[in-house]
C-alpha atoms as a PDB file:
ATOM      1  CA  UNK A   1     -54.348  53.342 -18.535  1.00  0.00           C
ATOM      2  CA  UNK A   2     -52.936  52.337 -21.910  1.00  0.00           C
ATOM      3  CA  UNK A   3     -49.760  51.371 -20.107  1.00  0.00           C
ATOM      4  CA  UNK A   4     -51.649  49.018 -17.798  1.00  0.00           C
ATOM      5  CA  UNK A   5     -50.917  51.035 -14.657  1.00  0.00           C
ATOM      6  CA  UNK A   6     -53.328  53.159 -12.687  1.00  0.00           C
ATOM      7  CA  UNK A   7     -50.599  55.476 -11.400  1.00  0.00           C
ATOM      8  CA  UNK A   8     -49.450  56.576 -14.880  1.00  0.00           C
ATOM      9  CA  UNK A   9     -45.837  55.374 -14.433  1.00  0.00           C
ATOM     10  CA  UNK A  10     -44.092  54.288 -17.645  1.00  0.00           C
ATOM     11  CA  UNK A  11     -43.933  50.537 -18.112  1.00  0.00           C
ATOM     12  CA  UNK A  12     -41.764  48.010 -19.926  1.00  0.00           C
ATOM     13  CA  UNK A  13     -44.860  46.048 -20.910  1.00  0.00           C
ATOM     14  CA  UNK A  14     -48.462  45.758 -19.874  1.00  0.00           C
ATOM     15  CA  UNK A  15     -48.536  46.749 -16.225  1.00  0.00           C
ATOM     16  CA  UNK A  16     -44.885  46.323 -15.250  1.00  0.00           C
ATOM     17  CA  UNK A  17     -42.284  49.021 -14.854  1.00  0.00           C
ATOM     18  CA  UNK A  18     -38.773  48.481 -16.168  1.00  0.00           C
ATOM     19  CA  UNK A  19     -37.564  48.368 -12.550  1.00  0.00           C
ATOM     20  CA  UNK A  20     -40.071  45.597 -11.726  1.00  0.00           C
ATOM     21  CA  UNK A  21     -39.060  43.527 -14.760  1.00  0.00           C
ATOM     22  CA  UNK A  22     -35.369  44.036 -13.973  1.00  0.00           C
ATOM     23  CA  UNK A  23     -35.843  43.016 -10.345  1.00  0.00           C
ATOM     24  CA  UNK A  24     -37.865  39.916 -11.320  1.00  0.00           C
ATOM     25  CA  UNK A  25     -35.101  38.980 -13.787  1.00  0.00           C
ATOM     26  CA  UNK A  26     -32.396  39.275 -11.118  1.00  0.00           C
ATOM     27  CA  UNK A  27     -34.376  37.178  -8.631  1.00  0.00           C
ATOM     28  CA  UNK A  28     -35.172  34.488 -11.211  1.00  0.00           C
ATOM     29  CA  UNK A  29     -31.584  34.391 -12.516  1.00  0.00           C
ATOM     30  CA  UNK A  30     -30.222  33.980  -8.990  1.00  0.00           C
ATOM     31  CA  UNK A  31     -32.771  31.250  -8.154  1.00  0.00           C
ATOM     32  CA  UNK A  32     -31.930  29.317 -11.326  1.00  0.00           C
ATOM     33  CA  UNK A  33     -28.212  29.706 -10.589  1.00  0.00           C
ATOM     34  CA  UNK A  34     -28.822  28.124  -7.184  1.00  0.00           C
ATOM     35  CA  UNK A  35     -30.736  25.278  -8.861  1.00  0.00           C
ATOM     36  CA  UNK A  36     -27.674  24.608 -11.062  1.00  0.00           C
ATOM     37  CA  UNK A  37     -25.397  24.605  -8.002  1.00  0.00           C
ATOM     38  CA  UNK A  38     -27.722  22.092  -6.329  1.00  0.00           C
ATOM     39  CA  UNK A  39     -27.606  20.037  -9.561  1.00  0.00           C
ATOM     40  CA  UNK A  40     -31.364  20.353 -10.081  1.00  0.00           C
ATOM     41  CA  UNK A  41     -30.730  21.881 -13.532  1.00  0.00           C
ATOM     42  CA  UNK A  42     -27.852  21.160 -15.941  1.00  0.00           C
ATOM     43  CA  UNK A  43     -27.515  24.864 -16.848  1.00  0.00           C
ATOM     44  CA  UNK A  44     -29.131  28.199 -16.118  1.00  0.00           C
ATOM     45  CA  UNK A  45     -31.551  29.078 -18.942  1.00  0.00           C
ATOM     46  CA  UNK A  46     -31.516  32.719 -17.797  1.00  0.00           C
ATOM     47  CA  UNK A  47     -27.829  32.954 -18.790  1.00  0.00           C
ATOM     48  CA  UNK A  48     -28.971  33.295 -22.405  1.00  0.00           C
ATOM     49  CA  UNK A  49     -31.466  36.080 -21.743  1.00  0.00           C
ATOM     50  CA  UNK A  50     -30.474  39.732 -21.859  1.00  0.00           C
ATOM     51  CA  UNK A  51     -31.299  41.524 -18.663  1.00  0.00           C
ATOM     52  CA  UNK A  52     -33.638  44.460 -19.206  1.00  0.00           C
ATOM     53  CA  UNK A  53     -31.850  47.793 -18.963  1.00  0.00           C
ATOM     54  CA  UNK A  54     -33.299  50.648 -17.022  1.00  0.00           C
ATOM     55  CA  UNK A  55     -32.935  54.008 -18.689  1.00  0.00           C
ATOM     56  CA  UNK A  56     -31.020  56.522 -16.622  1.00  0.00           C
ATOM     57  CA  UNK A  57     -33.373  59.132 -15.254  1.00  0.00           C
ATOM     58  CA  UNK A  58     -32.257  62.732 -15.573  1.00  0.00           C
ATOM     59  CA  UNK A  59     -31.466  64.180 -12.169  1.00  0.00           C
ATOM     60  CA  UNK A  60     -32.126  67.806 -11.351  1.00  0.00           C
ATOM     61  CA  UNK A  61     -30.627  68.391  -7.901  1.00  0.00           C
ATOM     62  CA  UNK A  62     -32.142  71.048  -5.695  1.00  0.00           C
ATOM     63  CA  UNK A  63     -30.325  74.306  -5.267  1.00  0.00           C
ATOM     64  CA  UNK A  64     -29.162  75.336  -1.787  1.00  0.00           C
ATOM     65  CA  UNK A  65     -32.041  77.826  -1.644  1.00  0.00           C
ATOM     66  CA  UNK A  66     -34.582  75.122  -2.599  1.00  0.00           C
ATOM     67  CA  UNK A  67     -33.193  72.774   0.069  1.00  0.00           C
ATOM     68  CA  UNK A  68     -33.493  75.505   2.696  1.00  0.00           C
ATOM     69  CA  UNK A  69     -37.077  76.296   1.683  1.00  0.00           C
ATOM     70  CA  UNK A  70     -37.996  72.598   1.652  1.00  0.00           C
ATOM     71  CA  UNK A  71     -36.549  71.913   5.097  1.00  0.00           C
ATOM     72  CA  UNK A  72     -38.115  75.068   6.546  1.00  0.00           C
ATOM     73  CA  UNK A  73     -41.515  73.989   5.200  1.00  0.00           C
ATOM     74  CA  UNK A  74     -41.140  70.470   6.652  1.00  0.00           C
ATOM     75  CA  UNK A  75     -39.732  71.478  10.061  1.00  0.00           C
ATOM     76  CA  UNK A  76     -41.889  70.061  12.847  1.00  0.00           C
ATOM     77  CA  UNK A  77     -43.542  67.422  10.637  1.00  0.00           C
ATOM     78  CA  UNK A  78     -42.988  63.679  10.694  1.00  0.00           C
ATOM     79  CA  UNK A  79     -41.222  63.837   7.312  1.00  0.00           C
ATOM     80  CA  UNK A  80     -38.629  66.427   8.362  1.00  0.00           C
ATOM     81  CA  UNK A  81     -35.950  63.958   9.525  1.00  0.00           C
ATOM     82  CA  UNK A  82     -36.252  61.614   6.503  1.00  0.00           C
ATOM     83  CA  UNK A  83     -36.109  64.675   4.186  1.00  0.00           C
ATOM     84  CA  UNK A  84     -33.083  66.047   6.054  1.00  0.00           C
ATOM     85  CA  UNK A  85     -31.360  62.684   5.686  1.00  0.00           C
ATOM     86  CA  UNK A  86     -32.212  62.540   1.967  1.00  0.00           C
ATOM     87  CA  UNK A  87     -30.907  65.984   1.070  1.00  0.00           C
ATOM     88  CA  UNK A  88     -27.665  65.551   3.015  1.00  0.00           C
ATOM     89  CA  UNK A  89     -26.830  61.967   1.997  1.00  0.00           C
ATOM     90  CA  UNK A  90     -28.587  61.400  -1.326  1.00  0.00           C
ATOM     91  CA  UNK A  91     -30.221  58.262   0.050  1.00  0.00           C
ATOM     92  CA  UNK A  92     -33.332  56.965  -1.691  1.00  0.00           C
ATOM     93  CA  UNK A  93     -36.680  56.491   0.023  1.00  0.00           C
ATOM     94  CA  UNK A  94     -36.253  52.735   0.505  1.00  0.00           C
ATOM     95  CA  UNK A  95     -32.806  53.263   1.996  1.00  0.00           C
ATOM     96  CA  UNK A  96     -34.091  55.889   4.408  1.00  0.00           C
ATOM     97  CA  UNK A  97     -37.123  53.933   5.542  1.00  0.00           C
ATOM     98  CA  UNK A  98     -35.292  50.634   5.733  1.00  0.00           C
ATOM     99  CA  UNK A  99     -37.003  47.544   7.004  1.00  0.00           C
ATOM    100  CA  UNK A 100     -36.917  46.229  10.542  1.00  0.00           C
ATOM    101  CA  UNK A 101     -38.768  43.054  11.432  1.00  0.00           C
ATOM    102  CA  UNK A 102     -38.065  41.381  14.746  1.00  0.00           C
ATOM    103  CA  UNK A 103     -39.709  38.296  16.153  1.00  0.00           C
ATOM    104  CA  UNK A 104     -40.011  34.536  15.924  1.00  0.00           C
ATOM    105  CA  UNK A 105     -41.326  34.595  12.327  1.00  0.00           C
ATOM    106  CA  UNK A 106     -39.393  37.586  10.984  1.00  0.00           C
ATOM    107  CA  UNK A 107     -38.006  35.533   8.097  1.00  0.00           C
ATOM    108  CA  UNK A 108     -41.569  34.895   6.892  1.00  0.00           C
ATOM    109  CA  UNK A 109     -42.231  38.630   6.651  1.00  0.00           C
ATOM    110  CA  UNK A 110     -38.932  40.085   5.468  1.00  0.00           C
ATOM    111  CA  UNK A 111     -39.547  39.076   1.849  1.00  0.00           C
ATOM    112  CA  UNK A 112     -42.822  40.996   1.764  1.00  0.00           C
ATOM    113  CA  UNK A 113     -41.243  44.211   2.968  1.00  0.00           C
ATOM    114  CA  UNK A 114     -38.140  43.833   0.824  1.00  0.00           C
ATOM    115  CA  UNK A 115     -40.223  43.407  -2.326  1.00  0.00           C
ATOM    116  CA  UNK A 116     -42.392  46.389  -1.447  1.00  0.00           C
ATOM    117  CA  UNK A 117     -39.330  48.603  -0.927  1.00  0.00           C
ATOM    118  CA  UNK A 118     -37.412  47.379  -3.998  1.00  0.00           C
ATOM    119  CA  UNK A 119     -40.446  47.736  -6.257  1.00  0.00           C
ATOM    120  CA  UNK A 120     -41.340  51.080  -4.640  1.00  0.00           C
ATOM    121  CA  UNK A 121     -44.864  49.731  -4.225  1.00  0.00           C
ATOM    122  CA  UNK A 122     -47.679  52.045  -3.245  1.00  0.00           C
ATOM    123  CA  UNK A 123     -50.117  51.140  -0.476  1.00  0.00           C
ATOM    124  CA  UNK A 124     -52.700  50.352  -3.148  1.00  0.00           C
ATOM    125  CA  UNK A 125     -50.295  48.014  -4.968  1.00  0.00           C
ATOM    126  CA  UNK A 126     -49.555  46.187  -1.722  1.00  0.00           C
ATOM    127  CA  UNK A 127     -53.194  45.736  -0.744  1.00  0.00           C
ATOM    128  CA  UNK A 128     -54.174  44.422  -4.201  1.00  0.00           C
ATOM    129  CA  UNK A 129     -51.450  41.772  -4.124  1.00  0.00           C
ATOM    130  CA  UNK A 130     -52.840  38.288  -3.548  1.00  0.00           C
ATOM    131  CA  UNK A 131     -51.619  36.620  -0.363  1.00  0.00           C
ATOM    132  CA  UNK A 132     -52.291  33.101   0.829  1.00  0.00           C
ATOM    133  CA  UNK A 133     -54.587  32.782   3.835  1.00  0.00           C
ATOM    134  CA  UNK A 134     -53.794  32.232   6.636  1.00  0.00           C
ATOM    135  CA  UNK A 135     -50.197  33.458   6.512  1.00  0.00           C
ATOM    136  CA  UNK A 136     -48.049  35.986   8.293  1.00  0.00           C
ATOM    137  CA  UNK A 137     -47.583  37.815   4.980  1.00  0.00           C
ATOM    138  CA  UNK A 138     -51.167  38.976   5.286  1.00  0.00           C
ATOM    139  CA  UNK A 139     -49.965  41.280   8.071  1.00  0.00           C
ATOM    140  CA  UNK A 140     -48.223  43.441   5.433  1.00  0.00           C
ATOM    141  CA  UNK A 141     -51.475  43.792   3.491  1.00  0.00           C
ATOM    142  CA  UNK A 142     -53.377  44.519   6.700  1.00  0.00           C
ATOM    143  CA  UNK A 143     -50.869  47.265   7.555  1.00  0.00           C
ATOM    144  CA  UNK A 144     -51.262  48.791   4.073  1.00  0.00           C
ATOM    145  CA  UNK A 145     -55.039  48.709   4.434  1.00  0.00           C
ATOM    146  CA  UNK A 146     -54.835  50.190   7.946  1.00  0.00           C
ATOM    147  CA  UNK A 147     -52.664  53.043   6.637  1.00  0.00           C
ATOM    148  CA  UNK A 148     -55.487  53.814   4.206  1.00  0.00           C
ATOM    149  CA  UNK A 149     -58.159  53.542   6.927  1.00  0.00           C
ATOM    150  CA  UNK A 150     -59.530  50.318   5.408  1.00  0.00           C
ATOM    151  CA  UNK A 151     -58.205  47.605   7.741  1.00  0.00           C
ATOM    152  CA  UNK A 152     -60.118  44.333   7.633  1.00  0.00           C
ATOM    153  CA  UNK A 153     -59.062  42.794  10.937  1.00  0.00           C
ATOM    154  CA  UNK A 154     -58.028  45.774  13.061  1.00  0.00           C
ATOM    155  CA  UNK A 155     -60.806  47.690  14.812  1.00  0.00           C
ATOM    156  CA  UNK A 156     -61.064  51.355  13.823  1.00  0.00           C
ATOM    157  CA  UNK A 157     -59.959  53.857  16.485  1.00  0.00           C
END
């Protein structure tokens, strides 16, 4: 807990991973750049800030035998196809799962899902995020709670 995270992941500061800080930097830099283009700011103050660098993680690819054993163990489960896709393409979890939101207010929800995927948020991290009420974004939190069997507004089956 010294790092500020319950899940034990390494952090760049109290409670934030390097990936989270880097993503927040990119979003803020792009937003400030747009403000300059709209002439709301004379210059982008983020231009003079060094972007945080993520350290390259060592990769230990699975051997052919390990891949075979993994896929055999997962065959017939709901994770078999995503695992098959991962081992044959090298795609990351967020790329495999993707995000599909369709409907009249999809644009109100897409940000929630995109942030969760990019930050690799856990269900617990999603459900402890503060959301305005009443908003459509609360549906993401409700889904995270439901996946944990703790839904607030969906009757238990």
